[in-house]
Structure formats: structure tokens, C-alpha cells
Amino acid sequence: MAELVHLDVAAGVATITLDSPDNRNALSAQLRRELQTHLDTAIADDAVRVVVLTHTGRVFCAGMDLKEARGAGGSGPQGVTEFPAILERIWTSPKPVVARLAGPARAGGVGLVAACDIAVAARDATFAFSEVRIGVVPAIISVTVLPRLLPRAAHELFLTGETFDADRAVTVGLVNSAVPADDLDAETARYTEMLRLGAPGALAATKAMLHADRSPVMRERFAAMAELSAGFFAGDEGQEGMAAFAQKRPPSWAVPPG
């Protein structure tokens, strides 16, 4: 059986490619299984600093494979239990994950985009929360999507199922950058090159900080952040980073462009 998801590692960047174009890169059981495996491999690889999630074909990801989901029993399709693990793996990855979209994302595909730390899309890519139009609810993906979207936009787009373009996706907070298709690779590389300059431990701790529940008491938040800051200033990465800055050289962890 041909592989539907590929993993390539070069110059500190792990590129995970969805390669099921005949199925619009829908989240079939095989694609979900391979995507989870390659995510685990990339995250466990000390040589990897950044993960890029991309695709072949005209569509980034069409969402759940409806052919497999049709006829599911009361517990729902298998992907309803498997897909959250994939979204959580991306969301909690200690390494930054960048989504590169040359084409449309729908439903679960938008959930993947939202789970990534940074998303770059070709300007002609489109998005839609199409669940309500087939009689289901965008429940699973709401966990990653709602923290990204402006509240008014979330109500509008979840309830109407309307298709919107990449410029609108930037405006509502789903995507970081929308560029002409010819500039997509350069814009993705711009982000990965910046991310490769970050210290691995500092990047992981910053991601955890960004996703952490915050105490409603400001004094407690300051105390927690002071402890985190002091630990990194005194730690190996902080000391190396400050020494490199003073000596006008790259820090030891910086990965040069490939």
C-alpha cells in the first residue's frame, strides 16, 4: 500500500507532506495513522528544530473522509476518537509547527491549520467550516480553532459554513500570512529560518507558556513568569545566548540554512 504521508528532514526542518491528492488529502484512517507516526518521529528527532506540514495536489486537506464516516454508529466515525490525538500532538509539540497551504482547507483540515503555531497560505487558498451543511457539528476542531478566531468571526463562520479566502483568514486570526502562490515557499522558508535561530529549550518553554492556563491573580502570574525567566537566564541556553550576543557570533544551537 502506497504511503499517503511522507517525512523528509533537512537542515533542521522536518517536512511532513500529505500525499493523497486523489482523495483531496482527506483524513482517511491510513492518512491519520501515518500523520501521527511521522509527527511522533519528527518531534522525537533531536536534529529537528521546526516541523512544516504541507501537501501535494490542489487541496491542503478536505477534512474527514466522508466515505469512511458514512454509516458510523452512535459512537461516531473512528476518526472522532483518533483525530484529537493528532491535533493535540501538533498543539503541544515542543517544536514549532508551520502549516504551508497551497490550496483549500475544509473542516478538519482547518483544525490542522489552527493547531499549528504558524500558518502560511497562498492568497487563492480558501477555507470553510462546512460541518453544519452536512448536518454535523465542528466540535473536535473547535478546541484548536476557537483560541485563534475572533469571537464574532467564529460565530459567523461556524454557523454559516461560508467559504472565505486567505486574506480573510489572516484578518480573523486563523492564518499568519497570505501571499501570492509564487511566494509561498519563500514565505514558509522565512519563518523556518527565523525559528531555527531559537534555542530548542526556550522554544519549547515559550510554546508551553503560550498555551498554559493563566491564573486570574496577576501577582501569581508574575511570580510564575519570574521563576520561568530566572531559570532560563541562569540555564545553559541563556548563558550561551548571551555569550554569543556579546561575542557577535551565532549561538551553538542555531541551524544554518540548508
Protein backbone atom coordinates (compact mmCIF):
# COMPACT_ATOMS: atom_id res chain seq x y z
CA MET A 1 0.00 0.00 0.00
CA ALA A 2 1.48 3.35 -1.05
CA GLU A 3 2.34 5.79 1.72
CA LEU A 4 -0.06 8.75 1.99
CA VAL A 5 2.12 10.92 4.26
CA HIS A 6 5.84 11.50 3.78
CA LEU A 7 8.56 12.73 6.13
CA ASP A 8 11.77 14.43 5.00
CA VAL A 9 14.37 16.05 7.28
CA ALA A 10 16.95 18.57 6.06
CA ALA A 11 18.83 21.41 7.77
CA GLY A 12 16.82 21.11 10.97
CA VAL A 13 13.42 21.19 9.23
CA ALA A 14 11.12 18.16 9.15
CA THR A 15 8.68 18.41 6.26
CA ILE A 16 5.56 16.29 6.62
CA THR A 17 3.64 16.08 3.34
CA LEU A 18 0.05 14.91 2.95
CA ASP A 19 0.07 13.00 -0.34
CA SER A 20 -3.41 11.70 -1.08
CA PRO A 21 -4.43 14.14 -3.82
CA ASP A 22 -7.00 11.82 -5.42
CA ASN A 23 -8.88 11.94 -2.11
CA ARG A 24 -8.25 15.70 -1.62
CA ASN A 25 -5.95 14.73 1.27
CA ALA A 26 -8.99 13.75 3.30
CA LEU A 27 -8.34 12.40 6.78
CA SER A 28 -8.73 8.70 5.99
CA ALA A 29 -7.73 6.07 8.53
CA GLN A 30 -4.43 5.42 6.71
CA LEU A 31 -3.59 9.11 6.41
CA ARG A 32 -4.37 9.75 10.09
CA ARG A 33 -2.23 6.80 11.16
CA GLU A 34 0.75 7.85 9.04
CA LEU A 35 0.44 11.50 10.03
CA GLN A 36 0.54 10.57 13.71
CA THR A 37 3.56 8.32 13.18
CA HIS A 38 5.53 10.96 11.28
CA LEU A 39 4.68 13.64 13.83
CA ASP A 40 5.98 11.40 16.61
CA THR A 41 9.17 10.68 14.65
CA ALA A 42 9.86 14.32 13.82
CA ILE A 43 9.22 15.54 17.35
CA ALA A 44 11.49 12.84 18.82
CA ASP A 45 14.37 13.66 16.43
CA ASP A 46 16.95 15.90 18.13
CA ALA A 47 18.11 17.11 14.70
CA VAL A 48 14.68 18.62 14.02
CA ARG A 49 14.05 22.19 15.13
CA VAL A 50 10.94 23.02 13.09
CA VAL A 51 8.16 20.93 11.55
CA VAL A 52 6.43 22.01 8.33
CA LEU A 53 3.06 20.47 7.47
CA THR A 54 2.31 20.71 3.75
CA HIS A 55 0.64 18.80 0.92
CA THR A 56 0.66 17.67 -2.68
CA GLY A 57 -2.21 18.36 -5.07
CA ARG A 58 -4.63 21.24 -5.24
CA VAL A 59 -6.18 20.78 -1.76
CA PHE A 60 -4.41 21.02 1.60
CA CYS A 61 -6.96 18.86 3.42
CA ALA A 62 -10.68 18.31 2.81
CA GLY A 63 -11.42 17.18 6.38
CA MET A 64 -12.65 13.77 7.47
CA ASP A 65 -13.02 11.08 4.83
CA LEU A 66 -16.80 11.03 4.49
CA LYS A 67 -16.80 7.72 2.64
CA GLU A 68 -15.33 6.07 5.73
CA ALA A 69 -17.51 8.08 8.12
CA ARG A 70 -20.80 7.27 6.36
CA GLY A 71 -22.82 4.71 8.27
CA ALA A 72 -20.90 5.12 11.52
CA GLY A 73 -22.75 4.04 14.63
CA GLY A 74 -23.68 6.03 17.71
CA SER A 75 -20.05 6.39 18.77
CA GLY A 76 -19.29 8.25 15.55
CA PRO A 77 -16.57 7.52 12.99
CA GLN A 78 -13.26 6.18 14.19
CA GLY A 79 -11.57 9.49 13.36
CA VAL A 80 -13.61 11.27 16.01
CA THR A 81 -11.52 9.48 18.62
CA GLU A 82 -8.23 9.41 16.67
CA PHE A 83 -8.16 12.93 15.27
CA PRO A 84 -7.97 14.72 18.65
CA ALA A 85 -4.67 12.94 19.36
CA ILE A 86 -3.22 14.37 16.14
CA LEU A 87 -4.40 17.90 16.92
CA GLU A 88 -3.07 17.64 20.46
CA ARG A 89 0.29 16.34 19.21
CA ILE A 90 0.71 19.38 16.97
CA TRP A 91 -0.60 21.83 19.59
CA THR A 92 1.66 20.53 22.36
CA SER A 93 4.71 19.78 20.20
CA PRO A 94 7.80 21.27 21.88
CA LYS A 95 8.98 22.15 18.37
CA PRO A 96 7.23 24.88 16.36
CA VAL A 97 4.93 23.59 13.62
CA VAL A 98 4.32 25.64 10.47
CA ALA A 99 1.40 24.93 8.12
CA ARG A 100 2.04 25.60 4.41
CA LEU A 101 -1.14 25.74 2.34
CA ALA A 102 -1.11 25.98 -1.44
CA GLY A 103 -4.80 25.11 -1.63
CA PRO A 104 -8.10 24.88 0.24
CA ALA A 105 -8.72 23.56 3.75
CA ARG A 106 -12.11 22.41 4.95
CA ALA A 107 -13.49 21.27 8.31
CA GLY A 108 -10.87 19.00 9.91
CA GLY A 109 -8.27 20.44 7.58
CA VAL A 110 -8.87 23.84 9.15
CA GLY A 111 -8.44 22.20 12.54
CA LEU A 112 -4.96 21.09 11.47
CA VAL A 113 -4.11 24.64 10.36
CA ALA A 114 -5.30 26.06 13.68
CA ALA A 115 -3.28 23.54 15.68
CA CYS A 116 -0.05 24.72 14.05
CA ASP A 117 1.88 27.59 15.60
CA ILE A 118 2.23 29.49 12.33
CA ALA A 119 0.23 29.17 9.12
CA VAL A 120 1.19 30.48 5.69
CA ALA A 121 -1.26 30.28 2.80
CA ALA A 122 -1.33 31.10 -0.87
CA ARG A 123 -3.68 34.00 -1.38
CA ASP A 124 -6.02 31.92 -3.54
CA ALA A 125 -6.43 29.23 -0.88
CA THR A 126 -9.89 29.06 0.69
CA PHE A 127 -11.32 27.87 3.98
CA ALA A 128 -14.71 26.78 5.30
CA PHE A 129 -16.27 25.18 8.37
CA SER A 130 -18.60 23.09 6.26
CA GLU A 131 -19.84 20.77 9.00
CA VAL A 132 -23.27 22.32 9.55
CA ARG A 133 -24.05 21.97 5.84
CA ILE A 134 -23.81 18.18 6.09
CA GLY A 135 -25.64 18.01 9.41
CA VAL A 136 -22.75 17.68 11.85
CA VAL A 137 -21.01 19.98 14.34
CA PRO A 138 -17.42 21.37 14.15
CA ALA A 139 -16.89 20.07 17.68
CA ILE A 140 -13.44 18.45 17.69
CA ILE A 141 -11.75 21.21 15.68
CA SER A 142 -13.28 23.91 17.88
CA VAL A 143 -10.66 23.04 20.51
CA THR A 144 -7.85 24.34 18.30
CA VAL A 145 -9.79 26.80 16.16
CA LEU A 146 -11.63 28.89 18.76
CA PRO A 147 -8.44 30.10 20.52
CA ARG A 148 -7.34 31.50 17.14
CA LEU A 149 -10.51 33.15 15.82
CA LEU A 150 -12.07 36.45 16.75
CA PRO A 151 -15.32 35.61 18.57
CA ARG A 152 -17.66 37.37 16.11
CA ALA A 153 -15.93 35.68 13.18
CA ALA A 154 -16.18 32.28 14.89
CA HIS A 155 -19.95 32.61 15.27
CA GLU A 156 -20.36 33.77 11.69
CA LEU A 157 -18.12 31.19 10.04
CA PHE A 158 -19.08 28.17 12.16
CA LEU A 159 -22.81 28.81 11.77
CA THR A 160 -22.95 29.78 8.09
CA GLY A 161 -20.37 27.39 6.67
CA GLU A 162 -19.39 30.21 4.32
CA THR A 163 -16.22 29.87 2.24
CA PHE A 164 -13.65 32.59 2.92
CA ASP A 165 -10.31 33.44 1.38
CA ALA A 166 -6.80 33.59 2.81
CA ASP A 167 -6.87 37.35 3.32
CA ARG A 168 -9.97 36.96 5.49
CA ALA A 169 -8.26 34.08 7.30
CA VAL A 170 -5.45 36.47 8.24
CA THR A 171 -7.93 39.11 9.40
CA VAL A 172 -9.80 36.72 11.72
CA GLY A 173 -6.60 35.19 13.16
CA LEU A 174 -6.56 31.76 11.51
CA VAL A 175 -3.55 32.38 9.26
CA ASN A 176 -0.41 34.46 9.84
CA SER A 177 0.45 35.34 6.26
CA ALA A 178 -1.28 35.19 2.86
CA VAL A 179 0.98 35.61 -0.15
CA PRO A 180 0.87 35.08 -3.93
CA ALA A 181 1.27 31.41 -4.80
CA ASP A 182 4.70 32.01 -6.33
CA ASP A 183 5.92 33.43 -2.99
CA LEU A 184 4.59 30.62 -0.79
CA ASP A 185 7.83 28.67 -0.49
CA ALA A 186 9.89 31.79 0.20
CA GLU A 187 7.46 32.93 2.89
CA THR A 188 7.48 29.49 4.53
CA ALA A 189 11.28 29.49 4.45
CA ARG A 190 11.33 32.96 6.00
CA TYR A 191 9.53 31.60 9.05
CA THR A 192 11.52 28.37 9.31
CA GLU A 193 14.82 30.26 9.07
CA MET A 194 13.77 32.52 11.95
CA LEU A 195 12.57 29.56 14.04
CA ARG A 196 15.85 27.68 13.53
CA LEU A 197 17.62 30.52 15.34
CA GLY A 198 15.69 29.87 18.56
CA ALA A 199 17.10 27.75 21.36
CA PRO A 200 15.25 24.39 21.48
CA GLY A 201 14.53 24.52 25.21
CA ALA A 202 13.45 28.16 25.07
CA LEU A 203 11.13 27.48 22.13
CA ALA A 204 9.53 24.54 23.93
CA ALA A 205 9.06 26.54 27.14
CA THR A 206 7.65 29.50 25.22
CA LYS A 207 5.10 27.27 23.49
CA ALA A 208 4.08 25.79 26.84
CA MET A 209 3.76 29.30 28.29
CA LEU A 210 1.59 30.46 25.38
CA HIS A 211 -0.81 27.56 25.87
CA ALA A 212 -0.86 27.49 29.68
CA ASP A 213 -3.94 28.33 31.71
CA ARG A 214 -3.38 31.66 33.39
CA SER A 215 -4.16 32.40 36.99
CA PRO A 216 -6.74 35.21 37.36
CA VAL A 217 -4.49 36.71 40.06
CA MET A 218 -1.86 38.93 38.43
CA ARG A 219 0.56 38.54 41.34
CA GLU A 220 0.54 34.76 40.84
CA ARG A 221 1.14 35.13 37.10
CA PHE A 222 4.11 37.43 37.70
CA ALA A 223 5.56 35.01 40.25
CA ALA A 224 5.30 32.07 37.86
CA MET A 225 6.80 34.05 34.98
CA ALA A 226 9.63 35.38 37.17
CA GLU A 227 10.57 31.80 38.09
CA LEU A 228 10.46 30.73 34.44
CA SER A 229 12.54 33.72 33.33
CA ALA A 230 15.17 33.31 36.03
CA GLY A 231 15.61 29.62 35.22
CA PHE A 232 16.36 30.34 31.59
CA PHE A 233 18.64 33.30 32.30
CA ALA A 234 20.72 31.05 34.56
CA GLY A 235 20.46 27.97 32.35
CA ASP A 236 22.83 26.69 29.68
CA GLU A 237 20.87 28.12 26.76
CA GLY A 238 20.55 31.57 28.31
CA GLN A 239 24.21 31.73 29.20
CA GLU A 240 25.26 30.56 25.72
CA GLY A 241 22.87 33.00 24.04
CA MET A 242 24.17 35.97 25.99
CA ALA A 243 27.79 34.95 25.38
CA ALA A 244 27.13 34.61 21.64
CA PHE A 245 25.49 38.03 21.56
CA ALA A 246 28.47 39.62 23.31
CA GLN A 247 30.93 37.84 21.02
CA LYS A 248 28.93 38.66 17.87
CA ARG A 249 28.66 35.02 16.79
CA PRO A 250 25.77 32.60 16.22
CA PRO A 251 24.78 30.62 19.32
CA SER A 252 25.67 26.94 19.31
CA TRP A 253 22.11 25.78 18.66
CA ALA A 254 21.48 27.96 15.56
CA VAL A 255 21.00 25.79 12.45
CA PRO A 256 22.33 27.42 9.26
CA PRO A 257 20.04 27.47 6.19
CA GLY A 258 20.19 24.34 4.08
